[in-house]
């Protein structure tokens, strides 16, 4: 049986949400502070995390920090209705939440949404890209790990995001051009080779010399999350 873990601003709110979760057929638990909540989710990757947030900034930062920590649980945010504006709710979703709803929420709707989220499965975050020695926040372009920091340009981050959406599948230059420019005002296709070269140089510094973008000769490029020792070949034509 899946478990629902609740982070709430008060014991009364926590108990109310846990009661509804149990009525929906879930086990439940509550954690009073974000670090303990994060640890509980990490120990139980199948659990659903429910965050009852008073402020949108708290919800966004919490979700983003959890995704940076590689917490892949489903995160369901209940945001105080005074803060639940379309812009703030969309930001929370971009920061890694799977669902955001105004609070207080109807008990039956809360139960139904928990069941729906339980059927969805684990979170697949293409914005927080995990590599051997670092994590890339594709939305900001910031790369952090091992006490080091690096920054990708908007175009470099978009290329990495496109590759990370379909790891282990080679994307051709044409596919990457389409993901990057959408058919509008496209520069020459060789820009992809330039971006890949810059990506490799920056990310190798963060991943202990490992490469995470593999050239699949004649097909394109693919993202290898675990990394690999780079192999250099001379006098070979770049993929088209």
Protein backbone atom coordinates (compact mmCIF):
# COMPACT_ATOMS: atom_id res chain seq x y z
CA UNK A 1 0.00 0.00 0.00
CA UNK A 2 1.36 3.40 -0.96
CA UNK A 3 2.07 5.90 1.77
CA UNK A 4 1.22 9.60 1.87
CA UNK A 5 3.66 11.81 3.79
CA UNK A 6 2.39 15.25 4.80
CA UNK A 7 4.29 18.48 5.43
CA UNK A 8 1.90 21.02 6.97
CA UNK A 9 2.13 24.28 8.95
CA UNK A 10 0.13 22.91 11.89
CA UNK A 11 -0.73 19.61 13.53
CA UNK A 12 -4.45 20.14 12.89
CA UNK A 13 -3.92 20.59 9.15
CA UNK A 14 -1.59 17.60 9.06
CA UNK A 15 -4.10 15.38 10.85
CA UNK A 16 -6.92 16.47 8.54
CA UNK A 17 -4.92 15.63 5.41
CA UNK A 18 -3.70 12.35 6.84
CA UNK A 19 -7.25 11.36 7.75
CA UNK A 20 -8.41 11.99 4.19
CA UNK A 21 -5.44 10.06 2.77
CA UNK A 22 -6.23 7.08 4.98
CA UNK A 23 -9.89 7.22 3.95
CA UNK A 24 -8.67 7.00 0.34
CA UNK A 25 -6.81 3.78 1.16
CA UNK A 26 -3.29 5.05 1.82
CA UNK A 27 -1.02 4.70 4.81
CA UNK A 28 0.00 8.10 6.14
CA UNK A 29 2.75 9.86 8.02
CA UNK A 30 3.60 13.46 8.85
CA UNK A 31 6.86 15.38 9.14
CA UNK A 32 7.03 18.86 10.71
CA UNK A 33 10.11 20.24 8.89
CA UNK A 34 11.30 20.15 5.25
CA UNK A 35 14.61 18.30 5.95
CA UNK A 36 12.82 15.47 7.79
CA UNK A 37 10.11 15.44 5.10
CA UNK A 38 12.76 15.19 2.38
CA UNK A 39 14.54 12.33 4.17
CA UNK A 40 11.28 10.43 4.65
CA UNK A 41 10.47 10.71 0.95
CA UNK A 42 13.97 9.67 -0.08
CA UNK A 43 13.71 6.54 2.11
CA UNK A 44 10.34 5.64 0.57
CA UNK A 45 10.50 6.46 -3.16
CA UNK A 46 6.97 5.16 -3.75
CA UNK A 47 5.40 7.54 -1.23
CA UNK A 48 3.43 10.62 -2.28
CA UNK A 49 4.56 13.88 -0.68
CA UNK A 50 1.83 16.38 0.17
CA UNK A 51 3.02 19.93 0.87
CA UNK A 52 0.50 22.27 2.47
CA UNK A 53 2.07 25.68 1.78
CA UNK A 54 1.03 29.09 3.01
CA UNK A 55 3.34 30.94 0.60
CA UNK A 56 4.08 30.17 -3.05
CA UNK A 57 7.78 31.00 -2.61
CA UNK A 58 8.11 28.32 0.07
CA UNK A 59 6.44 25.72 -2.15
CA UNK A 60 8.59 26.57 -5.17
CA UNK A 61 11.88 26.53 -3.25
CA UNK A 62 10.96 23.30 -1.45
CA UNK A 63 10.09 21.48 -4.66
CA UNK A 64 13.19 22.76 -6.44
CA UNK A 65 15.50 21.77 -3.55
CA UNK A 66 13.96 18.32 -3.35
CA UNK A 67 14.46 17.74 -7.07
CA UNK A 68 18.06 18.91 -6.76
CA UNK A 69 18.48 16.32 -4.01
CA UNK A 70 17.20 13.68 -6.49
CA UNK A 71 13.93 13.11 -4.63
CA UNK A 72 11.77 11.56 -7.35
CA UNK A 73 8.56 11.05 -5.37
CA UNK A 74 5.26 12.48 -6.55
CA UNK A 75 4.85 15.94 -4.97
CA UNK A 76 1.34 17.32 -4.47
CA UNK A 77 1.22 20.97 -3.36
CA UNK A 78 -1.81 22.51 -1.65
CA UNK A 79 -1.28 26.26 -1.82
CA UNK A 80 -3.17 28.80 0.26
CA UNK A 81 -5.90 30.22 -1.98
CA UNK A 82 -4.68 33.79 -1.42
CA UNK A 83 -1.38 32.78 -3.06
CA UNK A 84 -2.85 30.47 -5.69
CA UNK A 85 -2.49 32.72 -8.73
CA UNK A 86 -1.87 31.18 -12.17
CA UNK A 87 1.67 32.58 -12.32
CA UNK A 88 2.66 31.25 -8.89
CA UNK A 89 1.07 27.85 -9.49
CA UNK A 90 2.82 27.46 -12.84
CA UNK A 91 6.14 28.37 -11.21
CA UNK A 92 5.65 25.64 -8.60
CA UNK A 93 4.93 23.13 -11.36
CA UNK A 94 8.10 24.19 -13.19
CA UNK A 95 10.03 23.73 -9.96
CA UNK A 96 9.05 20.07 -9.83
CA UNK A 97 5.55 19.66 -8.36
CA UNK A 98 3.28 17.10 -10.01
CA UNK A 99 0.08 18.89 -9.03
CA UNK A 100 -0.81 22.21 -7.41
CA UNK A 101 -4.28 23.02 -6.06
CA UNK A 102 -5.72 25.90 -4.02
CA UNK A 103 -6.25 25.18 -0.33
CA UNK A 104 -8.33 24.44 1.57
CA UNK A 105 -9.37 21.69 -0.84
CA UNK A 106 -12.56 19.64 -0.83
CA UNK A 107 -11.91 16.35 0.96
CA UNK A 108 -13.37 14.19 -1.83
CA UNK A 109 -11.36 16.02 -4.49
CA UNK A 110 -8.18 15.62 -2.43
CA UNK A 111 -8.79 11.88 -2.14
CA UNK A 112 -9.50 11.57 -5.87
CA UNK A 113 -6.35 13.48 -6.80
CA UNK A 114 -4.22 11.30 -4.54
CA UNK A 115 -5.53 8.19 -6.31
CA UNK A 116 -4.87 9.76 -9.71
CA UNK A 117 -1.31 10.71 -8.74
CA UNK A 118 -0.68 7.21 -7.36
CA UNK A 119 -1.50 5.76 -10.79
CA UNK A 120 0.85 8.16 -12.54
CA UNK A 121 4.09 6.67 -11.21
CA UNK A 122 7.43 8.27 -10.40
CA UNK A 123 8.42 11.79 -11.35
CA UNK A 124 10.58 12.24 -14.43
CA UNK A 125 12.28 15.59 -14.18
CA UNK A 126 13.80 16.81 -17.45
CA UNK A 127 14.59 20.20 -15.88
CA UNK A 128 16.84 18.84 -13.11
CA UNK A 129 19.38 16.74 -14.99
CA UNK A 130 21.44 14.37 -12.85
CA UNK A 131 24.97 13.54 -13.97
CA UNK A 132 27.84 11.63 -12.32
CA UNK A 133 29.31 14.62 -10.51
CA UNK A 134 26.71 17.37 -10.72
CA UNK A 135 23.13 18.44 -11.33
CA UNK A 136 22.01 20.83 -14.07
CA UNK A 137 19.04 23.10 -13.47
CA UNK A 138 18.04 23.45 -17.12
CA UNK A 139 15.68 26.33 -16.39
CA UNK A 140 18.43 28.55 -14.97
CA UNK A 141 21.45 26.96 -16.67
CA UNK A 142 23.22 26.52 -13.33
CA UNK A 143 25.34 23.40 -12.83
CA UNK A 144 26.37 22.48 -9.29
CA UNK A 145 28.24 19.60 -7.70
CA UNK A 146 31.25 18.76 -5.57
CA UNK A 147 31.50 22.33 -4.35
CA UNK A 148 31.89 23.63 -7.91
CA UNK A 149 29.61 25.71 -10.09
CA UNK A 150 29.29 26.20 -13.83
CA UNK A 151 26.79 28.04 -16.00
CA UNK A 152 25.31 27.07 -19.36
CA UNK A 153 23.91 29.54 -21.84
CA UNK A 154 20.22 29.36 -22.72
CA UNK A 155 20.98 27.51 -25.96
CA UNK A 156 23.34 25.04 -24.26
CA UNK A 157 20.75 24.32 -21.57
CA UNK A 158 18.04 23.77 -24.20
CA UNK A 159 20.21 21.23 -26.01
CA UNK A 160 20.86 19.35 -22.77
CA UNK A 161 17.15 19.42 -21.90
CA UNK A 162 16.26 17.99 -25.31
CA UNK A 163 18.80 15.19 -24.92
CA UNK A 164 17.73 14.47 -21.33
CA UNK A 165 14.08 14.05 -22.32
CA UNK A 166 15.06 10.92 -24.24
CA UNK A 167 18.21 9.51 -22.64
CA UNK A 168 20.06 6.83 -24.58
CA UNK A 169 18.30 7.81 -27.85
CA UNK A 170 20.38 9.60 -30.45
CA UNK A 171 18.90 12.88 -31.67
CA UNK A 172 19.94 14.10 -35.11
CA UNK A 173 21.08 17.62 -35.82
CA UNK A 174 17.75 18.34 -37.48
CA UNK A 175 15.85 17.20 -34.39
CA UNK A 176 18.02 19.31 -32.11
CA UNK A 177 17.63 22.32 -34.41
CA UNK A 178 13.86 21.89 -34.24
CA UNK A 179 13.89 21.62 -30.43
CA UNK A 180 16.14 24.66 -30.20
CA UNK A 181 14.62 27.02 -32.76
CA UNK A 182 11.24 25.53 -33.70
CA UNK A 183 11.81 26.23 -37.40
CA UNK A 184 12.12 29.99 -36.92
CA UNK A 185 15.22 32.07 -37.68
CA UNK A 186 17.45 29.02 -37.70
CA UNK A 187 21.22 29.55 -38.05
CA UNK A 188 23.40 27.06 -39.90
CA UNK A 189 23.24 23.46 -38.65
CA UNK A 190 26.89 23.56 -37.60
CA UNK A 191 25.74 25.57 -34.55
CA UNK A 192 24.76 22.23 -32.99
CA UNK A 193 28.36 20.98 -33.23
CA UNK A 194 29.55 24.21 -31.62
CA UNK A 195 27.04 23.92 -28.75
CA UNK A 196 27.88 20.25 -28.16
CA UNK A 197 31.59 21.08 -28.05
CA UNK A 198 31.02 23.81 -25.46
CA UNK A 199 28.72 21.55 -23.43
CA UNK A 200 31.29 18.79 -23.31
CA UNK A 201 34.03 21.12 -22.17
CA UNK A 202 31.94 22.67 -19.39
CA UNK A 203 30.36 19.43 -18.15
CA UNK A 204 33.61 17.43 -18.21
CA UNK A 205 34.99 19.90 -15.66
CA UNK A 206 32.01 19.14 -13.40
CA UNK A 207 31.98 15.36 -13.92
CA UNK A 208 35.57 14.48 -13.16
CA UNK A 209 36.56 14.32 -16.82
CA UNK A 210 33.66 12.07 -17.84
CA UNK A 211 31.68 12.86 -20.97
CA UNK A 212 27.88 12.67 -20.87
CA UNK A 213 27.11 13.51 -24.51
CA UNK A 214 28.00 10.70 -26.90
CA UNK A 215 28.44 11.08 -30.64
CA UNK A 216 26.58 8.31 -32.46
CA UNK A 217 28.30 8.42 -35.80
CA UNK A 218 25.93 8.95 -38.70
CA UNK A 219 22.94 9.46 -36.38
CA UNK A 220 23.52 12.34 -33.98
CA UNK A 221 24.08 12.82 -30.25
CA UNK A 222 22.69 11.19 -27.14
CA UNK A 223 22.78 11.80 -23.40
CA UNK A 224 24.44 9.14 -21.25
CA UNK A 225 23.45 9.92 -17.62
CA UNK A 226 26.11 7.71 -16.03
CA UNK A 227 28.90 9.23 -18.10
CA UNK A 228 31.77 7.56 -19.94
CA UNK A 229 35.46 8.01 -20.64
CA UNK A 230 35.72 10.21 -23.75
CA UNK A 231 37.21 8.72 -26.88
CA UNK A 232 38.65 11.04 -29.48
CA UNK A 233 38.62 10.11 -33.14
CA UNK A 234 40.41 12.07 -35.82
CA UNK A 235 39.38 12.69 -39.40
CA UNK A 236 35.81 11.50 -38.88
CA UNK A 237 32.99 13.58 -40.26
CA UNK A 238 30.53 14.98 -37.74
CA UNK A 239 27.00 13.50 -37.70
CA UNK A 240 24.45 15.24 -39.90
